[in-house]
N, C-alpha and C. Protein backbone atom coordinates (compact mmCIF):
# COMPACT_ATOMS: atom_id res chain seq x y z
N MET A 1 0.62 -1.09 -0.14
CA MET A 1 -0.12 0.00 0.36
C MET A 1 0.76 1.34 -0.02
N ILE A 2 0.99 2.03 -0.57
CA ILE A 2 1.65 3.52 -0.92
C ILE A 2 0.63 4.24 -0.27
N GLU A 3 0.94 5.33 0.31
CA GLU A 3 1.12 6.34 1.16
C GLU A 3 0.38 7.76 0.82
N VAL A 4 0.16 8.53 0.78
CA VAL A 4 -0.12 10.28 -0.51
C VAL A 4 0.08 11.11 0.43
N SER A 5 0.78 11.92 1.15
CA SER A 5 0.04 12.94 2.23
C SER A 5 1.38 14.41 1.89
N GLU A 6 0.45 15.56 2.85
CA GLU A 6 1.28 16.63 2.19
C GLU A 6 0.35 16.88 0.76
N VAL A 7 -0.19 16.85 0.85
CA VAL A 7 -0.24 17.18 -1.05
C VAL A 7 -0.91 18.67 -0.96
N GLN A 8 -0.12 19.93 -2.24
CA GLN A 8 0.08 20.51 -2.17
C GLN A 8 -1.47 21.48 -2.81
N ILE A 9 -2.14 22.50 -3.65
CA ILE A 9 -2.64 22.23 -4.95
C ILE A 9 -2.29 24.43 -4.76
N VAL A 10 -1.06 23.94 -6.44
CA VAL A 10 -1.65 25.21 -6.25
C VAL A 10 -2.08 26.01 -7.96
N PRO A 11 -3.29 26.54 -7.52
CA PRO A 11 -4.14 27.17 -8.65
C PRO A 11 -3.23 27.92 -9.40
N ILE A 12 -3.34 28.13 -11.11
CA ILE A 12 -2.45 28.73 -12.24
C ILE A 12 -3.66 29.48 -12.89
N LYS A 13 -3.13 30.29 -14.27
CA LYS A 13 -4.92 30.96 -15.04
C LYS A 13 -4.02 29.59 -16.01
N ALA A 14 -5.37 28.77 -16.41
CA ALA A 14 -6.20 28.17 -17.23
C ALA A 14 -4.96 28.43 -18.32
N THR A 15 -4.31 27.32 -18.87
CA THR A 15 -3.21 27.61 -20.48
C THR A 15 -2.68 26.19 -20.60
N ASP A 16 -3.36 26.12 -21.58
CA ASP A 16 -3.85 24.99 -22.70
C ASP A 16 -4.82 23.54 -21.76
N GLY A 17 -5.00 23.95 -20.87
CA GLY A 17 -5.33 22.91 -20.13
C GLY A 17 -5.56 22.73 -18.98
N LEU A 18 -4.11 23.47 -18.78
CA LEU A 18 -3.22 23.39 -17.34
C LEU A 18 -3.64 23.83 -16.45
N VAL A 19 -3.75 23.80 -14.89
CA VAL A 19 -5.04 24.16 -14.33
C VAL A 19 -4.61 24.54 -12.57
N ALA A 20 -3.20 23.63 -12.85
CA ALA A 20 -2.26 23.92 -11.36
C ALA A 20 -1.32 23.60 -11.28
N PHE A 21 -0.94 22.89 -9.95
CA PHE A 21 0.64 22.34 -10.45
C PHE A 21 0.31 21.65 -8.82
N ALA A 22 0.40 20.31 -8.59
CA ALA A 22 0.32 19.64 -7.26
C ALA A 22 1.57 19.53 -6.79
N SER A 23 2.76 18.76 -5.54
CA SER A 23 2.77 18.21 -4.81
C SER A 23 3.20 17.35 -4.18
N VAL A 24 3.63 16.64 -3.54
CA VAL A 24 3.15 15.16 -2.48
C VAL A 24 4.69 14.93 -1.97
N VAL A 25 3.98 14.48 -0.90
CA VAL A 25 4.78 13.09 -0.16
C VAL A 25 3.89 11.75 -0.15
N VAL A 26 5.25 11.13 -0.66
CA VAL A 26 4.94 9.66 -0.78
C VAL A 26 5.78 8.80 0.32
N ASP A 27 4.82 8.03 1.04
CA ASP A 27 5.58 7.50 2.22
C ASP A 27 6.02 7.29 3.59
N GLY A 28 5.88 9.18 3.32
CA GLY A 28 7.19 9.87 3.68
C GLY A 28 8.30 9.87 3.45
N ASN A 29 8.64 9.13 2.24
CA ASN A 29 10.09 9.46 1.91
C ASN A 29 10.97 10.30 1.47
N PHE A 30 9.44 10.44 0.02
CA PHE A 30 9.82 10.91 -1.42
C PHE A 30 8.99 12.24 -1.33
N TYR A 31 9.32 13.15 -1.49
CA TYR A 31 8.92 14.27 -1.94
C TYR A 31 8.76 14.91 -3.73
N LEU A 32 7.40 15.01 -3.93
CA LEU A 32 7.28 14.26 -5.50
C LEU A 32 6.46 16.02 -6.11
N GLY A 33 7.80 16.87 -6.63
CA GLY A 33 6.62 18.82 -7.02
C GLY A 33 5.99 18.16 -8.39
N SER A 34 6.13 20.24 -8.86
CA SER A 34 5.86 20.39 -10.13
C SER A 34 4.66 18.74 -11.10
N ILE A 35 3.98 18.39 -10.68
CA ILE A 35 3.29 17.57 -11.32
C ILE A 35 2.59 18.61 -11.40
N GLY A 36 1.53 18.56 -12.62
CA GLY A 36 1.07 18.70 -13.86
C GLY A 36 -0.01 18.51 -13.15
N VAL A 37 -1.52 19.45 -13.47
CA VAL A 37 -3.38 18.97 -13.24
C VAL A 37 -3.93 19.65 -14.07
N HIS A 38 -3.65 18.80 -15.04
CA HIS A 38 -4.83 19.31 -16.35
C HIS A 38 -6.01 19.21 -16.55
N THR A 39 -7.49 19.64 -17.06
CA THR A 39 -8.77 18.81 -17.01
C THR A 39 -9.24 17.98 -18.35
N LYS A 40 -9.24 17.14 -18.85
CA LYS A 40 -9.88 16.24 -19.66
C LYS A 40 -11.17 16.79 -20.51
N LEU A 41 -10.20 17.03 -21.70
CA LEU A 41 -12.17 16.76 -23.02
C LEU A 41 -13.34 16.86 -22.00
N GLY A 42 -13.36 15.40 -21.98
CA GLY A 42 -14.57 15.35 -21.60
C GLY A 42 -15.10 15.62 -19.59
N GLY A 43 -14.21 15.74 -18.96
CA GLY A 43 -14.83 16.71 -17.91
C GLY A 43 -13.34 16.05 -16.64
N GLY A 44 -13.68 16.43 -15.81
CA GLY A 44 -12.05 15.20 -14.92
C GLY A 44 -11.05 16.07 -14.55
N TYR A 45 -9.32 15.24 -14.26
CA TYR A 45 -9.10 15.48 -14.79
C TYR A 45 -7.80 14.59 -14.99
N ARG A 46 -6.38 15.47 -15.37
CA ARG A 46 -4.89 13.86 -15.51
C ARG A 46 -4.08 15.31 -14.46
N LEU A 47 -2.55 13.82 -14.97
CA LEU A 47 -1.50 14.01 -14.03
C LEU A 47 -0.43 14.10 -15.58
N THR A 48 0.44 15.41 -15.27
CA THR A 48 1.06 15.26 -15.41
C THR A 48 2.93 15.18 -15.27
N TYR A 49 3.71 14.48 -15.22
CA TYR A 49 4.35 14.24 -13.79
C TYR A 49 6.15 15.00 -14.99
N PRO A 50 6.58 16.03 -14.07
CA PRO A 50 7.42 17.08 -15.44
C PRO A 50 8.94 15.91 -15.73
N THR A 51 9.57 16.64 -17.10
CA THR A 51 10.44 15.92 -18.01
C THR A 51 11.31 16.92 -18.10
N LYS A 52 12.56 16.63 -18.46
CA LYS A 52 13.86 17.60 -19.05
C LYS A 52 14.23 17.00 -20.47
N GLN A 53 14.53 18.27 -21.22
CA GLN A 53 14.33 18.72 -22.68
C GLN A 53 15.90 18.77 -22.86
N ALA A 54 16.75 17.49 -23.89
CA ALA A 54 18.42 16.90 -23.94
C ALA A 54 17.98 16.27 -25.08
N GLY A 55 19.42 16.95 -25.99
CA GLY A 55 19.85 16.70 -26.44
C GLY A 55 18.54 15.87 -27.49
N GLY A 56 17.49 17.03 -27.64
CA GLY A 56 16.00 16.97 -28.45
C GLY A 56 15.69 15.92 -28.53
N ARG A 57 15.08 15.07 -27.01
CA ARG A 57 14.05 14.50 -26.43
C ARG A 57 13.78 15.09 -24.97
N ASN A 58 12.94 14.38 -24.76
CA ASN A 58 12.42 14.31 -23.66
C ASN A 58 12.51 13.31 -22.31
N LEU A 59 13.37 13.56 -21.45
CA LEU A 59 13.11 12.52 -20.10
C LEU A 59 13.12 13.00 -19.13
N ASN A 60 12.19 11.41 -18.85
CA ASN A 60 11.62 12.26 -18.08
C ASN A 60 12.09 12.04 -15.99
N ILE A 61 11.68 13.14 -15.36
CA ILE A 61 12.74 13.32 -14.42
C ILE A 61 11.87 12.17 -13.39
N TYR A 62 10.22 12.13 -12.94
CA TYR A 62 9.72 10.99 -12.33
C TYR A 62 8.88 10.46 -12.95
N HIS A 63 8.25 9.57 -12.40
CA HIS A 63 6.70 9.54 -13.18
C HIS A 63 5.87 8.16 -12.23
N PRO A 64 5.20 7.64 -11.64
CA PRO A 64 4.72 6.38 -11.73
C PRO A 64 4.89 4.64 -12.02
N ILE A 65 5.75 4.68 -11.71
CA ILE A 65 6.05 2.38 -12.18
C ILE A 65 4.98 1.53 -12.14
N ASN A 66 4.01 2.06 -11.74
CA ASN A 66 3.74 0.99 -11.65
C ASN A 66 1.92 1.31 -11.32
N LYS A 67 0.56 0.59 -11.78
CA LYS A 67 -0.79 1.13 -12.00
C LYS A 67 -1.31 1.78 -10.28
N ILE A 68 -0.63 0.78 -8.94
CA ILE A 68 -1.16 1.07 -8.14
C ILE A 68 0.06 2.95 -7.42
N ALA A 69 0.66 3.49 -7.89
CA ALA A 69 0.79 4.03 -7.24
C ALA A 69 0.96 5.29 -8.54
N SER A 70 0.24 4.55 -9.35
CA SER A 70 -0.01 6.08 -10.16
C SER A 70 -2.18 6.25 -9.62
N GLU A 71 -2.77 5.66 -9.28
CA GLU A 71 -3.63 5.48 -8.68
C GLU A 71 -3.75 6.35 -7.01
N ALA A 72 -2.90 5.88 -6.08
CA ALA A 72 -2.81 6.91 -5.26
C ALA A 72 -2.45 7.83 -5.31
N ILE A 73 -1.43 8.14 -6.20
CA ILE A 73 -0.61 9.88 -6.83
C ILE A 73 -2.08 10.86 -7.25
N GLU A 74 -2.44 10.17 -7.94
CA GLU A 74 -3.55 10.72 -8.92
C GLU A 74 -4.81 10.64 -7.97
N THR A 75 -5.33 9.97 -6.97
CA THR A 75 -6.44 10.08 -6.16
C THR A 75 -6.64 10.86 -4.96
N ALA A 76 -5.26 11.16 -5.03
CA ALA A 76 -4.61 12.67 -3.68
C ALA A 76 -5.10 13.76 -4.66
N VAL A 77 -4.50 13.98 -5.61
CA VAL A 77 -4.39 14.95 -5.76
C VAL A 77 -5.74 15.48 -6.29
N ILE A 78 -6.28 14.78 -7.18
CA ILE A 78 -7.38 14.61 -7.72
C ILE A 78 -8.46 15.73 -6.28
N CYS A 79 -8.45 14.92 -5.40
CA CYS A 79 -9.16 15.19 -4.38
C CYS A 79 -9.18 16.61 -4.12
N LYS A 80 -7.72 16.80 -3.62
CA LYS A 80 -7.80 18.09 -3.34
C LYS A 80 -8.11 18.95 -4.29
N VAL A 81 -7.33 18.90 -4.91
CA VAL A 81 -7.88 20.01 -6.29
C VAL A 81 -9.10 20.85 -7.15
N LYS A 82 -10.01 19.10 -6.48
CA LYS A 82 -12.03 19.40 -6.56
C LYS A 82 -11.79 20.36 -4.68
N GLU A 83 -11.61 19.83 -4.03
CA GLU A 83 -11.16 20.70 -2.65
C GLU A 83 -11.14 22.44 -2.97
N VAL A 84 -9.77 23.14 -3.79
CA VAL A 84 -8.93 23.98 -3.98
C VAL A 84 -10.06 24.58 -4.55
N ILE A 85 -10.42 23.90 -5.44
CA ILE A 85 -11.27 24.47 -7.56
C ILE A 85 -12.97 25.01 -6.14
N GLU A 86 -13.21 24.38 -5.89
CA GLU A 86 -15.02 24.38 -5.45
C GLU A 86 -14.91 25.57 -4.21
N ARG A 87 -14.05 25.33 -3.53
CA ARG A 87 -13.47 26.89 -2.32
C ARG A 87 -13.57 28.29 -2.51
N SER A 88 -12.75 28.23 -3.71
CA SER A 88 -12.38 29.12 -4.73
C SER A 88 -13.28 29.99 -5.63
N ASN A 89 -13.82 29.36 -6.35
CA ASN A 89 -15.53 28.96 -6.78
C ASN A 89 -15.95 29.96 -5.93
N ASP A 90 -16.33 29.04 -4.05
CA ASP A 90 -17.14 29.48 -3.63
C ASP A 90 -17.37 31.19 -3.01
N ARG A 91 -15.65 31.20 -3.34
CA ARG A 91 -15.39 32.36 -2.45
C ARG A 91 -15.57 33.64 -3.84
N HIS A 92 -15.68 33.60 -5.31
CA HIS A 92 -16.08 34.17 -5.80
C HIS A 92 -17.91 34.18 -5.95
N ASN A 93 -18.43 33.23 -5.11
CA ASN A 93 -19.86 33.45 -5.58
C ASN A 93 -20.43 34.78 -4.97
N CYS A 94 -20.41 35.29 -3.73
CA CYS A 94 -21.42 35.84 -3.62
C CYS A 94 -21.47 36.21 -2.26
N PHE A 95 -21.88 37.08 -1.88
CA PHE A 95 -20.74 38.24 -0.16
C PHE A 95 -21.32 36.94 0.83
N ASN A 96 -22.37 36.58 -0.09
CA ASN A 96 -22.96 35.27 2.64
C ASN A 96 -21.78 34.64 1.70
N ASN A 97 -20.92 33.64 0.87
CA ASN A 97 -20.36 32.30 1.45
C ASN A 97 -19.13 33.11 2.04
N GLU A 98 -19.04 34.61 1.79
CA GLU A 98 -17.54 35.07 2.73
C GLU A 98 -17.64 34.60 3.80
N LYS A 99 -18.89 35.47 4.49
CA LYS A 99 -19.61 36.12 5.57
C LYS A 99 -20.06 34.65 6.45
N GLN A 100 -20.01 33.02 5.19
CA GLN A 100 -20.18 31.89 5.86
C GLN A 100 -19.18 31.43 6.57
N ARG A 101 -17.99 31.75 5.83
CA ARG A 101 -17.12 31.27 5.83
C ARG A 101 -16.45 31.72 6.78
N PHE A 102 -16.24 33.00 7.17
CA PHE A 102 -15.72 33.73 8.04
C PHE A 102 -15.70 33.44 9.60
N TYR A 103 -17.50 33.09 9.82
CA TYR A 103 -18.26 32.59 11.24
C TYR A 103 -17.43 31.22 10.95
N ASN A 104 -17.52 30.08 10.27
CA ASN A 104 -17.16 28.95 10.36
C ASN A 104 -16.09 29.35 10.96
N SER A 105 -14.62 29.63 10.53
CA SER A 105 -13.06 29.16 10.57
C SER A 105 -12.72 29.67 11.81
């Protein structure tokens, strides 16, 4: 079993489907940052992992190597993205949401 913790999301102005960057800690031992969060055409999100261009080739910096790791990271990141985006949307909806969040904080 893989433990994904300390999920952080940094929303950005949407560009070509990229809406945020994420970072996570895996099994309390590995920090993974610069994970791209993109919207899918049919709805939902997908993740991309950092690459570096060298000699005209894209080289993977890191990425999950099995389905279990991939799903654990995706589930944690996407859950947090939805939470952050909903909170952001609520903040811009109306004054009552601001007032309610202030009193509930």
